[in-house]
Protein backbone atom coordinates (compact mmCIF):
# COMPACT_ATOMS: atom_id res chain seq x y z
CA UNK A 1 13.83 104.23 103.92
CA UNK A 2 11.95 102.07 101.32
CA UNK A 3 9.24 99.73 102.60
CA UNK A 4 10.24 96.08 102.84
CA UNK A 5 8.32 93.50 100.87
CA UNK A 6 6.49 90.71 102.65
CA UNK A 7 9.23 88.21 101.77
CA UNK A 8 11.89 90.51 103.13
CA UNK A 9 9.87 91.09 106.31
CA UNK A 10 9.41 87.34 106.78
CA UNK A 11 13.09 86.68 106.27
CA UNK A 12 14.02 89.39 108.67
CA UNK A 13 11.50 88.21 111.22
CA UNK A 14 12.91 84.72 110.94
CA UNK A 15 16.34 86.00 111.61
CA UNK A 16 15.10 87.90 114.63
CA UNK A 17 12.99 84.98 115.90
CA UNK A 18 9.63 86.70 115.31
CA UNK A 19 6.93 84.31 114.34
CA UNK A 20 3.46 85.57 113.54
CA UNK A 21 2.40 88.64 111.65
CA UNK A 22 1.12 90.51 114.72
CA UNK A 23 4.53 90.23 116.32
CA UNK A 24 6.16 91.46 113.14
CA UNK A 25 3.90 94.47 112.98
CA UNK A 26 4.51 95.36 116.62
CA UNK A 27 8.28 95.29 116.06
CA UNK A 28 8.32 96.98 112.66
CA UNK A 29 9.26 100.48 113.99
CA UNK A 30 12.17 99.02 115.93
CA UNK A 31 13.37 97.15 112.86
CA UNK A 32 13.11 100.22 110.73
CA UNK A 33 15.12 102.24 113.25
CA UNK A 34 17.71 99.52 113.48
CA UNK A 35 18.05 99.34 109.72
CA UNK A 36 18.43 103.11 109.57
CA UNK A 37 21.27 102.85 112.09
CA UNK A 38 22.92 100.12 110.06
CA UNK A 39 22.61 102.18 106.90
CA UNK A 40 24.10 105.22 108.63
CA UNK A 41 26.93 103.05 109.92
CA UNK A 42 27.50 101.68 106.43
CA UNK A 43 27.68 105.19 105.00
CA UNK A 44 30.05 106.24 107.75
CA UNK A 45 32.32 103.33 106.91
CA UNK A 46 32.16 104.26 103.25
CA UNK A 47 33.10 107.85 104.16
CA UNK A 48 35.93 106.66 106.40
CA UNK A 49 37.13 104.36 103.63
CA UNK A 50 37.07 107.26 101.18
CA UNK A 51 38.98 109.44 103.63
CA UNK A 52 41.49 106.61 104.22
CA UNK A 53 41.95 106.17 100.49
CA UNK A 54 42.51 109.91 100.15
CA UNK A 55 45.04 109.86 102.99
CA UNK A 56 46.79 106.82 101.44
CA UNK A 57 46.83 108.57 98.09
CA UNK A 58 48.21 111.75 99.68
CA UNK A 59 50.79 109.80 101.63
CA UNK A 60 51.70 107.88 98.49
CA UNK A 61 52.20 111.15 96.68
CA UNK A 62 54.37 112.40 99.53
CA UNK A 63 56.42 109.21 99.47
CA UNK A 64 56.79 109.42 95.70
CA UNK A 65 57.94 113.02 96.02
CA UNK A 66 60.34 112.09 98.83
CA UNK A 67 61.63 109.20 96.70
CA UNK A 68 62.16 111.55 93.76
CA UNK A 69 63.99 113.97 96.03
CA UNK A 70 66.08 111.13 97.45
CA UNK A 71 66.96 109.93 93.95
CA UNK A 72 67.96 113.47 93.04
CA UNK A 73 70.12 113.67 96.17
CA UNK A 74 71.68 110.29 95.38
CA UNK A 75 72.36 111.41 91.82
CA UNK A 76 73.87 114.65 93.09
CA UNK A 77 75.95 112.76 95.67
CA UNK A 78 77.15 110.34 92.99
CA UNK A 79 78.06 113.29 90.80
CA UNK A 80 79.95 114.91 93.68
CA UNK A 81 81.69 111.59 94.43
CA UNK A 82 82.65 111.25 90.77
CA UNK A 83 84.00 114.78 90.81
CA UNK A 84 85.93 114.02 94.02
CA UNK A 85 87.31 110.81 92.51
CA UNK A 86 88.30 112.66 89.37
CA UNK A 87 89.94 115.38 91.47
CA UNK A 88 91.69 112.74 93.60
CA UNK A 89 92.88 110.84 90.52
CA UNK A 90 94.09 114.08 88.96
CA UNK A 91 95.90 115.01 92.17
CA UNK A 92 97.48 111.55 92.43
CA UNK A 93 98.50 111.68 88.78
CA UNK A 94 99.97 115.13 89.30
CA UNK A 95 101.77 113.89 92.40
CA UNK A 96 103.16 110.88 90.54
CA UNK A 97 104.20 113.16 87.71
CA UNK A 98 105.84 115.49 90.23
CA UNK A 99 107.65 112.59 91.88
CA UNK A 100 108.86 111.25 88.53
CA UNK A 101 109.93 114.70 87.44
CA UNK A 102 111.69 115.33 90.73
CA UNK A 103 113.46 111.97 90.53
CA UNK A 104 114.49 112.57 86.91
CA UNK A 105 115.50 116.16 87.57
CA UNK A 106 117.45 115.18 90.66
CA UNK A 107 119.23 112.45 88.73
CA UNK A 108 120.06 114.81 85.88
CA UNK A 109 121.21 117.52 88.26
CA UNK A 110 123.38 115.10 90.20
CA UNK A 111 125.32 114.23 87.06
CA UNK A 112 126.96 117.65 86.48
CA UNK A 113 127.13 118.17 90.23
CA UNK A 114 129.14 114.97 90.50
CA UNK A 115 131.59 116.18 87.85
CA UNK A 116 131.91 119.54 89.61
CA UNK A 117 132.52 117.91 93.00
CA UNK A 118 135.28 115.73 91.54
CA UNK A 119 136.99 118.71 89.89
CA UNK A 120 136.76 120.78 93.06
CA UNK A 121 138.19 117.85 95.05
CA UNK A 122 141.11 117.76 92.62
CA UNK A 123 141.76 121.46 93.19
CA UNK A 124 141.44 121.15 96.97
CA UNK A 125 144.30 118.68 97.07
CA UNK A 126 146.62 120.94 95.11
CA UNK A 127 148.90 123.58 96.56
CA UNK A 128 147.18 126.81 95.50
CA UNK A 129 147.74 130.43 96.50
CA UNK A 130 145.73 131.34 99.61
CA UNK A 131 143.19 133.48 97.75
CA UNK A 132 142.44 130.72 95.23
CA UNK A 133 142.36 128.13 98.00
CA UNK A 134 139.66 130.12 99.81
CA UNK A 135 137.60 130.34 96.63
CA UNK A 136 137.94 126.61 96.03
CA UNK A 137 136.90 125.84 99.61
CA UNK A 138 133.83 128.08 99.36
CA UNK A 139 132.89 126.44 96.07
CA UNK A 140 133.26 123.04 97.72
CA UNK A 141 130.95 124.06 100.57
CA UNK A 142 128.36 125.46 98.16
CA UNK A 143 128.36 122.25 96.10
CA UNK A 144 128.12 120.17 99.26
CA UNK A 145 125.05 122.16 100.35
CA UNK A 146 123.43 121.69 96.92
CA UNK A 147 124.12 117.96 97.12
CA UNK A 148 122.45 117.71 100.53
CA UNK A 149 119.38 119.57 99.27
CA UNK A 150 118.96 117.35 96.21
CA UNK A 151 119.51 114.19 98.23
CA UNK A 152 116.86 115.17 100.78
CA UNK A 153 114.36 116.15 98.09
CA UNK A 154 114.90 112.87 96.27
CA UNK A 155 114.53 110.85 99.48
CA UNK A 156 111.36 112.62 100.63
CA UNK A 157 109.85 112.14 97.17
CA UNK A 158 110.50 108.39 97.23
CA UNK A 159 109.16 108.08 100.76
CA UNK A 160 105.97 109.99 99.91
CA UNK A 161 105.22 107.76 96.94
CA UNK A 162 105.81 104.62 99.05
CA UNK A 163 108.65 103.51 96.80
CA UNK A 164 110.77 102.43 99.77
CA UNK A 165 110.21 98.92 101.13
CA UNK A 166 112.14 97.59 104.15
CA UNK A 167 114.48 94.65 103.64
CA UNK A 168 115.11 93.35 107.15
CA UNK A 169 117.88 90.99 108.19
CA UNK A 170 120.00 90.28 111.30
CA UNK A 171 123.10 92.42 111.83
CA UNK A 172 125.64 92.95 114.56
CA UNK A 173 125.31 96.36 116.13
CA UNK A 174 128.93 97.08 115.27
CA UNK A 175 128.05 96.70 111.58
CA UNK A 176 125.72 99.66 112.02
CA UNK A 177 127.91 101.82 114.24
CA UNK A 178 131.37 101.34 112.72
CA UNK A 179 130.70 102.96 109.31
CA UNK A 180 128.88 105.87 110.97
CA UNK A 181 131.75 106.55 113.35
CA UNK A 182 134.20 106.36 110.46
CA UNK A 183 132.07 108.77 108.42
CA UNK A 184 131.45 111.37 111.14
CA UNK A 185 134.77 111.25 112.97
CA UNK A 186 136.38 113.73 110.59
CA UNK A 187 133.23 115.87 110.52
CA UNK A 188 133.21 116.15 114.30
CA UNK A 189 136.94 116.86 114.44
CA UNK A 190 136.59 119.62 111.85
CA UNK A 191 133.95 121.19 114.09
CA UNK A 192 136.15 120.85 117.18
CA UNK A 193 133.92 118.15 118.69
CA UNK A 194 134.71 114.81 120.30
CA UNK A 195 132.72 111.92 118.82
CA UNK A 196 132.47 108.77 120.96
CA UNK A 197 130.56 105.50 120.62
CA UNK A 198 129.44 102.81 123.05
CA UNK A 199 128.66 99.51 121.38
CA UNK A 200 127.42 96.45 123.21
CA UNK A 201 127.43 92.85 122.03
CA UNK A 202 123.97 93.02 120.49
CA UNK A 203 122.42 91.85 117.26
CA UNK A 204 119.44 93.65 115.72
CA UNK A 205 116.82 92.67 113.15
CA UNK A 206 116.34 95.62 110.82
CA UNK A 207 116.85 97.18 107.43
CA UNK A 208 120.46 98.29 107.80
CA UNK A 209 120.29 100.89 105.03
CA UNK A 210 117.17 102.65 106.32
CA UNK A 211 118.29 102.57 109.95
CA UNK A 212 121.69 103.95 108.92
CA UNK A 213 119.89 106.82 107.19
CA UNK A 214 118.08 107.69 110.43
CA UNK A 215 121.20 107.63 112.59
CA UNK A 216 123.13 109.57 109.95
CA UNK A 217 120.54 112.35 110.19
CA UNK A 218 120.77 112.31 113.99
CA UNK A 219 124.56 112.58 113.87
CA UNK A 220 124.50 115.23 111.15
CA UNK A 221 122.16 117.41 113.20
CA UNK A 222 124.26 116.86 116.32
CA UNK A 223 127.39 118.06 114.49
CA UNK A 224 125.50 120.98 112.96
CA UNK A 225 123.92 122.32 116.13
CA UNK A 226 126.73 121.63 118.61
CA UNK A 227 129.26 124.42 119.00
CA UNK A 228 131.52 122.71 121.52
CA UNK A 229 131.74 119.58 123.63
CA UNK A 230 131.04 116.04 122.50
CA UNK A 231 128.65 113.75 120.66
CA UNK A 232 127.86 110.23 121.85
CA UNK A 233 126.41 107.36 119.82
CA UNK A 234 125.24 104.59 122.14
CA UNK A 235 122.73 101.82 122.81
CA UNK A 236 120.57 100.87 125.81
CA UNK A 237 118.59 97.68 126.16
CA UNK A 238 114.88 98.03 126.94
CA UNK A 239 113.38 94.54 127.25
CA UNK A 240 113.32 92.95 123.80
CA UNK A 241 114.26 96.21 122.11
CA UNK A 242 117.42 98.25 121.82
CA UNK A 243 117.26 102.02 122.06
CA UNK A 244 119.88 103.64 119.84
CA UNK A 245 120.73 107.12 121.10
CA UNK A 246 122.63 110.14 119.84
CA UNK A 247 123.54 112.63 122.58
CA UNK A 248 125.04 116.06 122.04
CA UNK A 249 126.07 119.06 124.14
CA UNK A 250 124.56 121.55 121.72
CA UNK A 251 122.22 124.47 122.10
CA UNK A 252 119.16 122.32 122.80
CA UNK A 253 115.54 122.71 121.72
CA UNK A 254 112.72 124.48 123.54
CA UNK A 255 109.89 122.24 124.75
CA UNK A 256 107.32 123.94 122.50
CA UNK A 257 109.46 123.19 119.43
CA UNK A 258 110.04 119.47 119.95
CA UNK A 259 107.09 118.34 117.82
CA UNK A 260 107.57 120.98 115.12
CA UNK A 261 111.12 119.87 114.30
CA UNK A 262 109.74 116.77 112.56
CA UNK A 263 107.68 118.85 110.11
CA UNK A 264 108.86 119.44 106.56
CA UNK A 265 110.86 122.59 105.88
CA UNK A 266 111.20 123.32 109.58
CA UNK A 267 114.57 124.34 110.97
CA UNK A 268 115.81 125.50 114.31
CA UNK A 269 116.64 129.15 114.68
CA UNK A 270 120.34 129.36 113.96
CA UNK A 271 120.77 133.09 113.62
CA UNK A 272 121.85 134.36 110.24
CA UNK A 273 120.49 132.83 107.06
CA UNK A 274 124.03 132.02 105.93
CA UNK A 275 124.36 129.64 108.88
CA UNK A 276 121.35 127.57 107.88
CA UNK A 277 121.96 124.37 105.94
CA UNK A 278 119.40 122.34 104.03
CA UNK A 279 115.69 123.02 103.89
CA UNK A 280 114.60 121.25 107.07
CA UNK A 281 113.77 117.84 105.60
CA UNK A 282 116.17 115.70 107.64
CA UNK A 283 113.89 114.88 110.58
CA UNK A 284 110.84 114.68 108.31
CA UNK A 285 112.71 111.93 106.46
CA UNK A 286 113.54 110.30 109.80
CA UNK A 287 109.87 110.23 110.81
CA UNK A 288 108.76 108.71 107.49
CA UNK A 289 111.44 106.00 107.56
CA UNK A 290 110.66 105.20 111.21
CA UNK A 291 107.00 104.80 110.27
CA UNK A 292 107.92 102.42 107.45
CA UNK A 293 110.06 100.37 109.83
CA UNK A 294 107.56 100.59 112.68
CA UNK A 295 110.13 101.96 115.14
CA UNK A 296 109.30 104.65 117.72
CA UNK A 297 111.42 107.81 117.61
CA UNK A 298 111.87 110.04 120.67
CA UNK A 299 113.64 113.27 121.48
CA UNK A 300 114.60 114.88 124.77
CA UNK A 301 116.28 118.23 125.07
CA UNK A 302 117.57 120.67 127.61
CA UNK A 303 117.94 124.20 126.20
CA UNK A 304 121.51 125.38 126.56
CA UNK A 305 122.75 121.93 127.57
CA UNK A 306 122.06 119.55 124.70
CA UNK A 307 119.67 117.01 123.20
CA UNK A 308 119.14 113.28 122.83
CA UNK A 309 117.49 111.66 119.81
CA UNK A 310 116.66 107.96 119.94
CA UNK A 311 115.01 105.15 118.02
CA UNK A 312 114.05 101.70 119.32
CA UNK A 313 114.82 98.62 117.23
CA UNK A 314 114.08 94.91 117.88
CA UNK A 315 116.89 92.82 119.35
CA UNK A 316 117.66 89.53 117.62
CA UNK A 317 118.32 86.41 119.68
CA UNK A 318 120.49 85.20 116.82
CA UNK A 319 124.06 86.53 116.74
CA UNK A 320 125.43 86.42 113.20
CA UNK A 321 129.12 85.74 112.69
CA UNK A 322 131.39 88.74 112.43
CA UNK A 323 131.84 89.98 108.91
CA UNK A 324 135.34 89.38 107.67
CA UNK A 325 136.97 92.74 107.35
CA UNK A 326 139.00 93.76 104.37
CA UNK A 327 142.75 93.86 105.03
CA UNK A 328 143.72 96.85 107.12
CA UNK A 329 145.69 99.40 105.20
CA UNK A 330 149.24 99.96 106.36
CA UNK A 331 149.82 103.20 108.20
CA UNK A 332 152.57 104.09 105.74
CA UNK A 333 152.43 103.87 101.98
CA UNK A 334 149.64 104.47 99.50
CA UNK A 335 148.10 101.59 97.50
CA UNK A 336 146.81 103.84 94.70
CA UNK A 337 149.86 105.11 92.76
CA UNK A 338 150.54 103.08 89.66
CA UNK A 339 147.31 101.07 89.85
CA UNK A 340 145.47 100.64 86.56
CA UNK A 341 141.81 101.65 86.88
CA UNK A 342 139.02 101.52 84.31
CA UNK A 343 136.30 104.19 84.56
CA UNK A 344 133.08 103.66 82.56
CA UNK A 345 130.51 106.46 82.36
CA UNK A 346 128.32 107.82 79.58
CA UNK A 347 129.06 111.43 80.65
CA UNK A 348 132.27 112.76 79.16
CA UNK A 349 132.50 115.49 81.81
CA UNK A 350 132.47 112.87 84.56
CA UNK A 351 135.14 110.83 82.79
CA UNK A 352 137.35 113.91 82.56
CA UNK A 353 136.78 114.73 86.22
CA UNK A 354 137.51 111.17 87.35
CA UNK A 355 140.65 111.04 85.20
CA UNK A 356 141.90 114.28 86.79
CA UNK A 357 141.19 113.19 90.36
CA UNK A 358 142.44 109.61 90.07
CA UNK A 359 145.44 110.76 88.06
CA UNK A 360 146.30 113.17 90.85
CA UNK A 361 146.24 110.21 93.23
CA UNK A 362 148.83 108.51 91.01
CA UNK A 363 146.53 106.04 89.24
CA UNK A 364 146.84 104.96 85.63
CA UNK A 365 143.32 105.80 84.40
CA UNK A 366 141.59 104.28 81.37
CA UNK A 367 138.18 105.71 80.46
CA UNK A 368 135.35 104.54 78.22
CA UNK A 369 131.65 105.17 77.66
CA UNK A 370 130.68 101.53 77.02
CA UNK A 371 131.97 97.96 76.98
CA UNK A 372 133.28 98.07 73.42
CA UNK A 373 135.19 101.27 74.12
CA UNK A 374 136.59 99.76 77.32
CA UNK A 375 137.93 96.65 75.56
CA UNK A 376 139.49 98.81 72.87
CA UNK A 377 141.11 101.17 75.41
CA UNK A 378 142.39 98.31 77.59
CA UNK A 379 144.20 96.69 74.63
CA UNK A 380 144.02 93.21 76.11
CA UNK A 381 145.31 94.16 79.57
CA UNK A 382 142.84 93.67 82.42
CA UNK A 383 142.34 96.61 84.79
CA UNK A 384 143.02 96.17 88.48
CA UNK A 385 139.68 97.78 89.36
CA UNK A 386 136.57 98.95 87.52
CA UNK A 387 134.54 102.04 88.41
CA UNK A 388 131.28 101.89 86.44
CA UNK A 389 128.23 104.10 86.26
CA UNK A 390 125.01 102.14 86.81
CA UNK A 391 122.95 103.71 83.99
CA UNK A 392 124.79 103.80 80.68
CA UNK A 393 123.44 104.59 77.22
CA UNK A 394 120.79 102.53 75.40
CA UNK A 395 119.44 100.95 78.60
CA UNK A 396 122.71 99.17 79.42
CA UNK A 397 123.59 98.95 83.12
CA UNK A 398 127.09 99.02 84.53
CA UNK A 399 126.53 95.76 86.43
CA UNK A 400 126.20 93.89 83.14
CA UNK A 401 129.33 95.50 81.72
CA UNK A 402 131.33 94.58 84.82
CA UNK A 403 130.08 90.99 84.64
CA UNK A 404 130.99 90.70 80.96
CA UNK A 405 134.45 92.22 81.50
CA UNK A 406 135.08 89.75 84.30
CA UNK A 407 134.09 86.90 82.01
CA UNK A 408 136.24 88.31 79.20
CA UNK A 409 139.40 88.50 81.34
CA UNK A 410 138.65 85.30 83.23
CA UNK A 411 138.80 86.57 86.81
CA UNK A 412 136.75 88.54 89.31
CA UNK A 413 138.01 92.09 88.85
CA UNK A 414 137.16 94.30 91.88
CA UNK A 415 134.47 96.80 90.94
CA UNK A 416 132.70 99.85 92.33
CA UNK A 417 129.34 101.01 90.99
CA UNK A 418 128.72 104.76 91.02
CA UNK A 419 125.16 105.97 90.50
CA UNK A 420 122.56 108.59 91.25
CA UNK A 421 119.92 105.82 91.26
CA UNK A 422 118.73 105.18 94.82
CA UNK A 423 116.05 102.59 94.03
CA UNK A 424 115.80 99.17 95.66
CA UNK A 425 116.09 97.55 92.23
CA UNK A 426 119.54 99.06 91.82
CA UNK A 427 120.64 97.87 95.26
CA UNK A 428 119.44 94.32 94.60
CA UNK A 429 121.41 94.23 91.35
CA UNK A 430 124.54 95.38 93.19
CA UNK A 431 124.04 92.75 95.87
CA UNK A 432 124.14 90.05 93.20
CA UNK A 433 127.25 91.62 91.69
CA UNK A 434 129.05 91.79 95.03
CA UNK A 435 130.30 95.32 94.44
CA UNK A 436 130.16 98.35 96.73
CA UNK A 437 127.94 101.29 95.80
CA UNK A 438 128.81 104.97 95.85
CA UNK A 439 126.03 107.46 95.28
CA UNK A 440 126.53 110.52 93.12
CA UNK A 441 127.80 113.09 93.81
CA UNK A 442 130.77 111.02 94.92
CA UNK A 443 132.55 112.15 98.05
CA UNK A 444 136.28 112.00 97.15
CA UNK A 445 137.29 110.93 100.65
CA UNK A 446 134.88 108.00 100.58
CA UNK A 447 135.96 107.09 97.04
CA UNK A 448 139.61 107.03 98.08
CA UNK A 449 138.85 104.90 101.14
CA UNK A 450 136.89 102.34 99.08
CA UNK A 451 139.56 102.15 96.39
CA UNK A 452 142.30 101.77 98.98
CA UNK A 453 140.46 98.90 100.69
CA UNK A 454 139.75 97.08 97.44
CA UNK A 455 143.30 97.47 96.15
CA UNK A 456 145.17 96.90 99.42
């Protein structure tokens, strides 16, 4: 260590409280040793500082590397997310395209199917030789099966794309049950079954159309899978809800199959392939509609003894007034012969089929493809009833044509709209028109019943 100057020694001695020179000289070795210790400590701190700076620098490098890796991972994740979004968007676009194509294809297929059903209905009502009658009946059954398939596919497509929105209102329970009993009474009788109903004095708050679709599927399955016995449509109160039940005495369902029956394209084992009907979408449609409505669906079954399907709906404290029924048809006589009907459709094949069927029922049929053609064919004489297709050419809808014909002749001519369009927009338009709706393919029995009620 370098020797301290006199001034430095004096300053240091002052700091240490050493006065005279003799004292300073006696303590000089101790001071030198102490200074050496301080110097060593200073160097140690410098070394520790250098080591700390190296560690900070190394840690900084590690953090920078980790940050670069993290940024790369984030960039990769963002790229994967973009790819997933693109794939999702492509899948959704493809699904929408599929739904639109299915809806368009179903609509286009229902048009010729409707014409075929009407022609076959005309032949079924004629006295034909037995061999030809069998062929006509088999053709009718084949067309009916094709109609059911297309209807189910169209419904499941609309449900999957969330195109169905509930429109709830208050209805008497009899408004729900009566049309179903009327529709399935002949079906049950043809199958040798006894269809009964138990209706209480209840009112329900629901979407009547969607709930009817559910119960129609329950009843259809009951008729399909019941070989003998009876089918019961009833209601049981459960607190503030009403459980609507369909019982049958059919073959029943095994416990391990109860959940699977609500899956798409799932059918019960019915033996030969020729005995199967549909593609197993009925209960899948039921489950989707029930989810839209928020109603629980349940099933109980006893193999070999029968099944019970049910759905719970909210009871309304309000009891709406009974709907005024159309005049009851007389048990004798037929209101159709001689009645002048106007049929408007942009498909010539459907016009020909309707003319043949209605003409066979004794009606005087006038046909046209648009309003101008209708006025020309009517020659100033108003028809007693109008049957109009909903979608005509050039974007014109049948509702508008009916409205304009009513205005032209100055009175509210009864009308029926026939369409393959099952959208809510179509139903709202018909509600404003106050005209019943028949979906294509038209069931001749239902057509005759509607015409008879409107003309009676």
